[in-house]
Amino acid sequence: MFGLSEEQIAQLGLTVGVGGFILYMFFIIFQLARESKAGKFGTFMLFLVLGFGMLGFIAKNILVWLLHI
């Protein structure tokens, strides 16, 4: 498909799909903070705690990219 191998298509789908999901999750966290009137500190804590797992996925991709070079 478009001259790409199956591995390249899977990697692109994983990167774009999970990246889009992460952006959507940040939107959900923002909406949760806004609707609960969490304030600045509460919003920060929500993003810190709920966003920590997403940060691990991003860090893993960066490490794989750095080690692959």
PDB file of N, CA and C in Angstrom:
ATOM      1  N   MET A   1       0.845  -1.174   0.000  1.00  0.00           N
ATOM      2  CA  MET A   1       0.000   0.000   0.000  1.00  0.00           C
ATOM      3  C   MET A   1       0.892   1.240   0.000  1.00  0.00           C
ATOM      4  N   PHE A   2       0.806   2.036  -1.038  1.00  0.00           N
ATOM      5  CA  PHE A   2       1.584   3.260  -1.197  1.00  0.00           C
ATOM      6  C   PHE A   2       3.089   3.001  -1.100  1.00  0.00           C
ATOM      7  N   GLY A   3       3.529   1.801  -1.427  1.00  0.00           N
ATOM      8  CA  GLY A   3       4.949   1.466  -1.392  1.00  0.00           C
ATOM      9  C   GLY A   3       5.504   1.248  -0.003  1.00  0.00           C
ATOM     10  N   LEU A   4       4.650   1.049   0.991  1.00  0.00           N
ATOM     11  CA  LEU A   4       5.100   0.826   2.362  1.00  0.00           C
ATOM     12  C   LEU A   4       4.957  -0.640   2.723  1.00  0.00           C
ATOM     13  N   SER A   5       5.867  -1.121   3.549  1.00  0.00           N
ATOM     14  CA  SER A   5       5.774  -2.500   4.010  1.00  0.00           C
ATOM     15  C   SER A   5       4.752  -2.590   5.145  1.00  0.00           C
ATOM     16  N   GLU A   6       4.409  -3.808   5.495  1.00  0.00           N
ATOM     17  CA  GLU A   6       3.448  -4.021   6.584  1.00  0.00           C
ATOM     18  C   GLU A   6       3.976  -3.456   7.899  1.00  0.00           C
ATOM     19  N   GLU A   7       5.267  -3.601   8.134  1.00  0.00           N
ATOM     20  CA  GLU A   7       5.871  -3.091   9.361  1.00  0.00           C
ATOM     21  C   GLU A   7       5.795  -1.567   9.425  1.00  0.00           C
ATOM     22  N   GLN A   8       6.043  -0.902   8.302  1.00  0.00           N
ATOM     23  CA  GLN A   8       5.980   0.557   8.271  1.00  0.00           C
ATOM     24  C   GLN A   8       4.549   1.060   8.489  1.00  0.00           C
ATOM     25  N   ILE A   9       3.584   0.369   7.911  1.00  0.00           N
ATOM     26  CA  ILE A   9       2.179   0.747   8.095  1.00  0.00           C
ATOM     27  C   ILE A   9       1.763   0.555   9.553  1.00  0.00           C
ATOM     28  N   ALA A  10       2.193  -0.543  10.161  1.00  0.00           N
ATOM     29  CA  ALA A  10       1.858  -0.799  11.563  1.00  0.00           C
ATOM     30  C   ALA A  10       2.494   0.250  12.471  1.00  0.00           C
ATOM     31  N   GLN A  11       3.748   0.608  12.213  1.00  0.00           N
ATOM     32  CA  GLN A  11       4.425   1.623  13.022  1.00  0.00           C
ATOM     33  C   GLN A  11       3.758   2.986  12.864  1.00  0.00           C
ATOM     34  N   LEU A  12       3.383   3.335  11.648  1.00  0.00           N
ATOM     35  CA  LEU A  12       2.695   4.602  11.402  1.00  0.00           C
ATOM     36  C   LEU A  12       1.335   4.623  12.104  1.00  0.00           C
ATOM     37  N   GLY A  13       0.604   3.529  12.002  1.00  0.00           N
ATOM     38  CA  GLY A  13      -0.691   3.446  12.670  1.00  0.00           C
ATOM     39  C   GLY A  13      -0.563   3.539  14.178  1.00  0.00           C
ATOM     40  N   LEU A  14       0.452   2.887  14.729  1.00  0.00           N
ATOM     41  CA  LEU A  14       0.666   2.944  16.174  1.00  0.00           C
ATOM     42  C   LEU A  14       1.019   4.357  16.599  1.00  0.00           C
ATOM     43  N   THR A  15       1.929   4.994  15.882  1.00  0.00           N
ATOM     44  CA  THR A  15       2.368   6.333  16.252  1.00  0.00           C
ATOM     45  C   THR A  15       1.237   7.345  16.120  1.00  0.00           C
ATOM     46  N   VAL A  16       0.560   7.358  14.977  1.00  0.00           N
ATOM     47  CA  VAL A  16      -0.514   8.325  14.750  1.00  0.00           C
ATOM     48  C   VAL A  16      -1.732   7.993  15.604  1.00  0.00           C
ATOM     49  N   GLY A  17      -2.103   6.713  15.674  1.00  0.00           N
ATOM     50  CA  GLY A  17      -3.285   6.306  16.443  1.00  0.00           C
ATOM     51  C   GLY A  17      -3.139   6.573  17.928  1.00  0.00           C
ATOM     52  N   VAL A  18      -2.031   6.144  18.504  1.00  0.00           N
ATOM     53  CA  VAL A  18      -1.835   6.346  19.941  1.00  0.00           C
ATOM     54  C   VAL A  18      -1.563   7.820  20.230  1.00  0.00           C
ATOM     55  N   GLY A  19      -0.866   8.497  19.313  1.00  0.00           N
ATOM     56  CA  GLY A  19      -0.650   9.936  19.481  1.00  0.00           C
ATOM     57  C   GLY A  19      -1.964  10.701  19.510  1.00  0.00           C
ATOM     58  N   GLY A  20      -2.863  10.356  18.609  1.00  0.00           N
ATOM     59  CA  GLY A  20      -4.189  10.983  18.604  1.00  0.00           C
ATOM     60  C   GLY A  20      -4.968  10.653  19.862  1.00  0.00           C
ATOM     61  N   PHE A  21      -4.853   9.424  20.325  1.00  0.00           N
ATOM     62  CA  PHE A  21      -5.526   9.012  21.555  1.00  0.00           C
ATOM     63  C   PHE A  21      -4.994   9.792  22.755  1.00  0.00           C
ATOM     64  N   ILE A  22      -3.674  10.030  22.786  1.00  0.00           N
ATOM     65  CA  ILE A  22      -3.072  10.795  23.876  1.00  0.00           C
ATOM     66  C   ILE A  22      -3.600  12.228  23.868  1.00  0.00           C
ATOM     67  N   LEU A  23      -3.676  12.835  22.685  1.00  0.00           N
ATOM     68  CA  LEU A  23      -4.235  14.190  22.599  1.00  0.00           C
ATOM     69  C   LEU A  23      -5.687  14.218  23.078  1.00  0.00           C
ATOM     70  N   TYR A  24      -6.458  13.205  22.712  1.00  0.00           N
ATOM     71  CA  TYR A  24      -7.849  13.114  23.156  1.00  0.00           C
ATOM     72  C   TYR A  24      -7.927  12.955  24.677  1.00  0.00           C
ATOM     73  N   MET A  25      -7.019  12.175  25.253  1.00  0.00           N
ATOM     74  CA  MET A  25      -6.997  11.989  26.706  1.00  0.00           C
ATOM     75  C   MET A  25      -6.679  13.298  27.422  1.00  0.00           C
ATOM     76  N   PHE A  26      -5.753  14.102  26.858  1.00  0.00           N
ATOM     77  CA  PHE A  26      -5.467  15.403  27.448  1.00  0.00           C
ATOM     78  C   PHE A  26      -6.707  16.294  27.412  1.00  0.00           C
ATOM     79  N   PHE A  27      -7.470  16.222  26.327  1.00  0.00           N
ATOM     80  CA  PHE A  27      -8.723  16.976  26.233  1.00  0.00           C
ATOM     81  C   PHE A  27      -9.709  16.517  27.303  1.00  0.00           C
ATOM     82  N   ILE A  28      -9.808  15.214  27.518  1.00  0.00           N
ATOM     83  CA  ILE A  28     -10.710  14.680  28.537  1.00  0.00           C
ATOM     84  C   ILE A  28     -10.288  15.139  29.934  1.00  0.00           C
ATOM     85  N   ILE A  29      -8.977  15.123  30.214  1.00  0.00           N
ATOM     86  CA  ILE A  29      -8.485  15.571  31.514  1.00  0.00           C
ATOM     87  C   ILE A  29      -8.800  17.050  31.713  1.00  0.00           C
ATOM     88  N   PHE A  30      -8.616  17.853  30.659  1.00  0.00           N
ATOM     89  CA  PHE A  30      -8.927  19.280  30.744  1.00  0.00           C
ATOM     90  C   PHE A  30     -10.410  19.502  31.026  1.00  0.00           C
ATOM     91  N   GLN A  31     -11.259  18.764  30.317  1.00  0.00           N
ATOM     92  CA  GLN A  31     -12.707  18.885  30.534  1.00  0.00           C
ATOM     93  C   GLN A  31     -13.076  18.479  31.970  1.00  0.00           C
ATOM     94  N   LEU A  32     -12.465  17.418  32.466  1.00  0.00           N
ATOM     95  CA  LEU A  32     -12.717  16.959  33.827  1.00  0.00           C
ATOM     96  C   LEU A  32     -12.330  18.027  34.839  1.00  0.00           C
ATOM     97  N   ALA A  33     -11.173  18.644  34.629  1.00  0.00           N
ATOM     98  CA  ALA A  33     -10.721  19.698  35.549  1.00  0.00           C
ATOM     99  C   ALA A  33     -11.643  20.905  35.482  1.00  0.00           C
ATOM    100  N   ARG A  34     -12.087  21.261  34.299  1.00  0.00           N
ATOM    101  CA  ARG A  34     -12.946  22.438  34.139  1.00  0.00           C
ATOM    102  C   ARG A  34     -14.325  22.204  34.752  1.00  0.00           C
ATOM    103  N   GLU A  35     -14.903  21.039  34.493  1.00  0.00           N
ATOM    104  CA  GLU A  35     -16.249  20.758  35.010  1.00  0.00           C
ATOM    105  C   GLU A  35     -16.270  20.571  36.522  1.00  0.00           C
ATOM    106  N   SER A  36     -15.159  20.112  37.090  1.00  0.00           N
ATOM    107  CA  SER A  36     -15.119  19.913  38.536  1.00  0.00           C
ATOM    108  C   SER A  36     -14.639  21.159  39.271  1.00  0.00           C
ATOM    109  N   LYS A  37     -14.315  22.221  38.510  1.00  0.00           N
ATOM    110  CA  LYS A  37     -13.825  23.472  39.092  1.00  0.00           C
ATOM    111  C   LYS A  37     -12.631  23.199  40.009  1.00  0.00           C
ATOM    112  N   ALA A  38     -11.656  22.484  39.471  1.00  0.00           N
ATOM    113  CA  ALA A  38     -10.523  22.016  40.260  1.00  0.00           C
ATOM    114  C   ALA A  38      -9.558  23.132  40.652  1.00  0.00           C
ATOM    115  N   GLY A  39      -9.539  24.230  39.949  1.00  0.00           N
ATOM    116  CA  GLY A  39      -8.577  25.284  40.247  1.00  0.00           C
ATOM    117  C   GLY A  39      -7.240  24.984  39.587  1.00  0.00           C
ATOM    118  N   LYS A  40      -6.293  25.879  39.788  1.00  0.00           N
ATOM    119  CA  LYS A  40      -4.991  25.715  39.128  1.00  0.00           C
ATOM    120  C   LYS A  40      -4.224  24.512  39.669  1.00  0.00           C
ATOM    121  N   PHE A  41      -4.176  24.392  40.996  1.00  0.00           N
ATOM    122  CA  PHE A  41      -3.431  23.282  41.590  1.00  0.00           C
ATOM    123  C   PHE A  41      -4.101  21.948  41.289  1.00  0.00           C
ATOM    124  N   GLY A  42      -5.413  21.899  41.376  1.00  0.00           N
ATOM    125  CA  GLY A  42      -6.139  20.661  41.081  1.00  0.00           C
ATOM    126  C   GLY A  42      -5.972  20.245  39.629  1.00  0.00           C
ATOM    127  N   THR A  43      -5.998  21.219  38.721  1.00  0.00           N
ATOM    128  CA  THR A  43      -5.792  20.920  37.303  1.00  0.00           C
ATOM    129  C   THR A  43      -4.385  20.387  37.077  1.00  0.00           C
ATOM    130  N   PHE A  44      -3.407  21.017  37.728  1.00  0.00           N
ATOM    131  CA  PHE A  44      -2.031  20.543  37.615  1.00  0.00           C
ATOM    132  C   PHE A  44      -1.900  19.108  38.113  1.00  0.00           C
ATOM    133  N   MET A  45      -2.522  18.818  39.243  1.00  0.00           N
ATOM    134  CA  MET A  45      -2.438  17.462  39.798  1.00  0.00           C
ATOM    135  C   MET A  45      -3.124  16.444  38.887  1.00  0.00           C
ATOM    136  N   LEU A  46      -4.265  16.817  38.307  1.00  0.00           N
ATOM    137  CA  LEU A  46      -4.943  15.909  37.379  1.00  0.00           C
ATOM    138  C   LEU A  46      -4.050  15.588  36.185  1.00  0.00           C
ATOM    139  N   PHE A  47      -3.462  16.621  35.603  1.00  0.00           N
ATOM    140  CA  PHE A  47      -2.580  16.390  34.463  1.00  0.00           C
ATOM    141  C   PHE A  47      -1.349  15.591  34.867  1.00  0.00           C
ATOM    142  N   LEU A  48      -0.816  15.860  36.051  1.00  0.00           N
ATOM    143  CA  LEU A  48       0.369  15.143  36.508  1.00  0.00           C
ATOM    144  C   LEU A  48       0.076  13.656  36.716  1.00  0.00           C
ATOM    145  N   VAL A  49      -0.966  13.376  37.464  1.00  0.00           N
ATOM    146  CA  VAL A  49      -1.273  11.988  37.825  1.00  0.00           C
ATOM    147  C   VAL A  49      -1.822  11.204  36.635  1.00  0.00           C
ATOM    148  N   LEU A  50      -2.819  11.768  35.946  1.00  0.00           N
ATOM    149  CA  LEU A  50      -3.441  11.035  34.848  1.00  0.00           C
ATOM    150  C   LEU A  50      -2.585  11.047  33.585  1.00  0.00           C
ATOM    151  N   GLY A  51      -1.746  12.054  33.437  1.00  0.00           N
ATOM    152  CA  GLY A  51      -0.897  12.128  32.258  1.00  0.00           C
ATOM    153  C   GLY A  51       0.419  11.389  32.406  1.00  0.00           C
ATOM    154  N   PHE A  52       0.718  10.874  33.596  1.00  0.00           N
ATOM    155  CA  PHE A  52       2.003  10.220  33.833  1.00  0.00           C
ATOM    156  C   PHE A  52       2.170   8.955  32.989  1.00  0.00           C
ATOM    157  N   GLY A  53       1.115   8.193  32.824  1.00  0.00           N
ATOM    158  CA  GLY A  53       1.195   6.978  32.008  1.00  0.00           C
ATOM    159  C   GLY A  53       1.434   7.293  30.542  1.00  0.00           C
ATOM    160  N   MET A  54       0.817   8.361  30.065  1.00  0.00           N
ATOM    161  CA  MET A  54       1.030   8.761  28.674  1.00  0.00           C
ATOM    162  C   MET A  54       2.459   9.246  28.471  1.00  0.00           C
ATOM    163  N   LEU A  55       3.027   9.871  29.482  1.00  0.00           N
ATOM    164  CA  LEU A  55       4.404  10.325  29.407  1.00  0.00           C
ATOM    165  C   LEU A  55       5.355   9.132  29.262  1.00  0.00           C
ATOM    166  N   GLY A  56       5.040   8.034  29.913  1.00  0.00           N
ATOM    167  CA  GLY A  56       5.849   6.826  29.787  1.00  0.00           C
ATOM    168  C   GLY A  56       5.854   6.293  28.363  1.00  0.00           C
ATOM    169  N   PHE A  57       4.716   6.318  27.702  1.00  0.00           N
ATOM    170  CA  PHE A  57       4.651   5.855  26.314  1.00  0.00           C
ATOM    171  C   PHE A  57       5.484   6.755  25.406  1.00  0.00           C
ATOM    172  N   ILE A  58       5.395   8.054  25.612  1.00  0.00           N
ATOM    173  CA  ILE A  58       6.162   8.997  24.800  1.00  0.00           C
ATOM    174  C   ILE A  58       7.654   8.808  25.055  1.00  0.00           C
ATOM    175  N   ALA A  59       8.037   8.652  26.306  1.00  0.00           N
ATOM    176  CA  ALA A  59       9.450   8.450  26.648  1.00  0.00           C
ATOM    177  C   ALA A  59       9.982   7.164  26.028  1.00  0.00           C
ATOM    178  N   LYS A  60       9.174   6.116  26.011  1.00  0.00           N
ATOM    179  CA  LYS A  60       9.601   4.859  25.402  1.00  0.00           C
ATOM    180  C   LYS A  60       9.884   5.042  23.915  1.00  0.00           C
ATOM    181  N   ASN A  61       9.006   5.760  23.225  1.00  0.00           N
ATOM    182  CA  ASN A  61       9.222   5.992  21.795  1.00  0.00           C
ATOM    183  C   ASN A  61      10.470   6.826  21.543  1.00  0.00           C
ATOM    184  N   ILE A  62      10.721   7.800  22.387  1.00  0.00           N
ATOM    185  CA  ILE A  62      11.923   8.617  22.231  1.00  0.00           C
ATOM    186  C   ILE A  62      13.171   7.781  22.466  1.00  0.00           C
ATOM    187  N   LEU A  63      13.154   6.935  23.495  1.00  0.00           N
ATOM    188  CA  LEU A  63      14.311   6.072  23.763  1.00  0.00           C
ATOM    189  C   LEU A  63      14.557   5.082  22.634  1.00  0.00           C
ATOM    190  N   VAL A  64      13.512   4.495  22.098  1.00  0.00           N
ATOM    191  CA  VAL A  64      13.661   3.570  20.968  1.00  0.00           C
ATOM    192  C   VAL A  64      14.241   4.303  19.765  1.00  0.00           C
ATOM    193  N   TRP A  65      13.775   5.519  19.523  1.00  0.00           N
ATOM    194  CA  TRP A  65      14.282   6.303  18.390  1.00  0.00           C
ATOM    195  C   TRP A  65      15.753   6.653  18.600  1.00  0.00           C
ATOM    196  N   LEU A  66      16.134   7.045  19.824  1.00  0.00           N
ATOM    197  CA  LEU A  66      17.524   7.390  20.096  1.00  0.00           C
ATOM    198  C   LEU A  66      18.459   6.181  19.986  1.00  0.00           C
ATOM    199  N   LEU A  67      18.010   5.032  20.434  1.00  0.00           N
ATOM    200  CA  LEU A  67      18.837   3.831  20.374  1.00  0.00           C
ATOM    201  C   LEU A  67      18.901   3.247  18.968  1.00  0.00           C
ATOM    202  N   HIS A  68      17.916   3.582  18.158  1.00  0.00           N
ATOM    203  CA  HIS A  68      17.882   3.065  16.783  1.00  0.00           C
ATOM    204  C   HIS A  68      18.835   3.823  15.869  1.00  0.00           C
ATOM    205  N   ILE A  69      19.168   5.051  16.236  1.00  0.00           N
ATOM    206  CA  ILE A  69      20.069   5.868  15.401  1.00  0.00           C
ATOM    207  C   ILE A  69      21.418   5.297  15.450  1.00  0.00           C
TER     208      ILE A  69
END
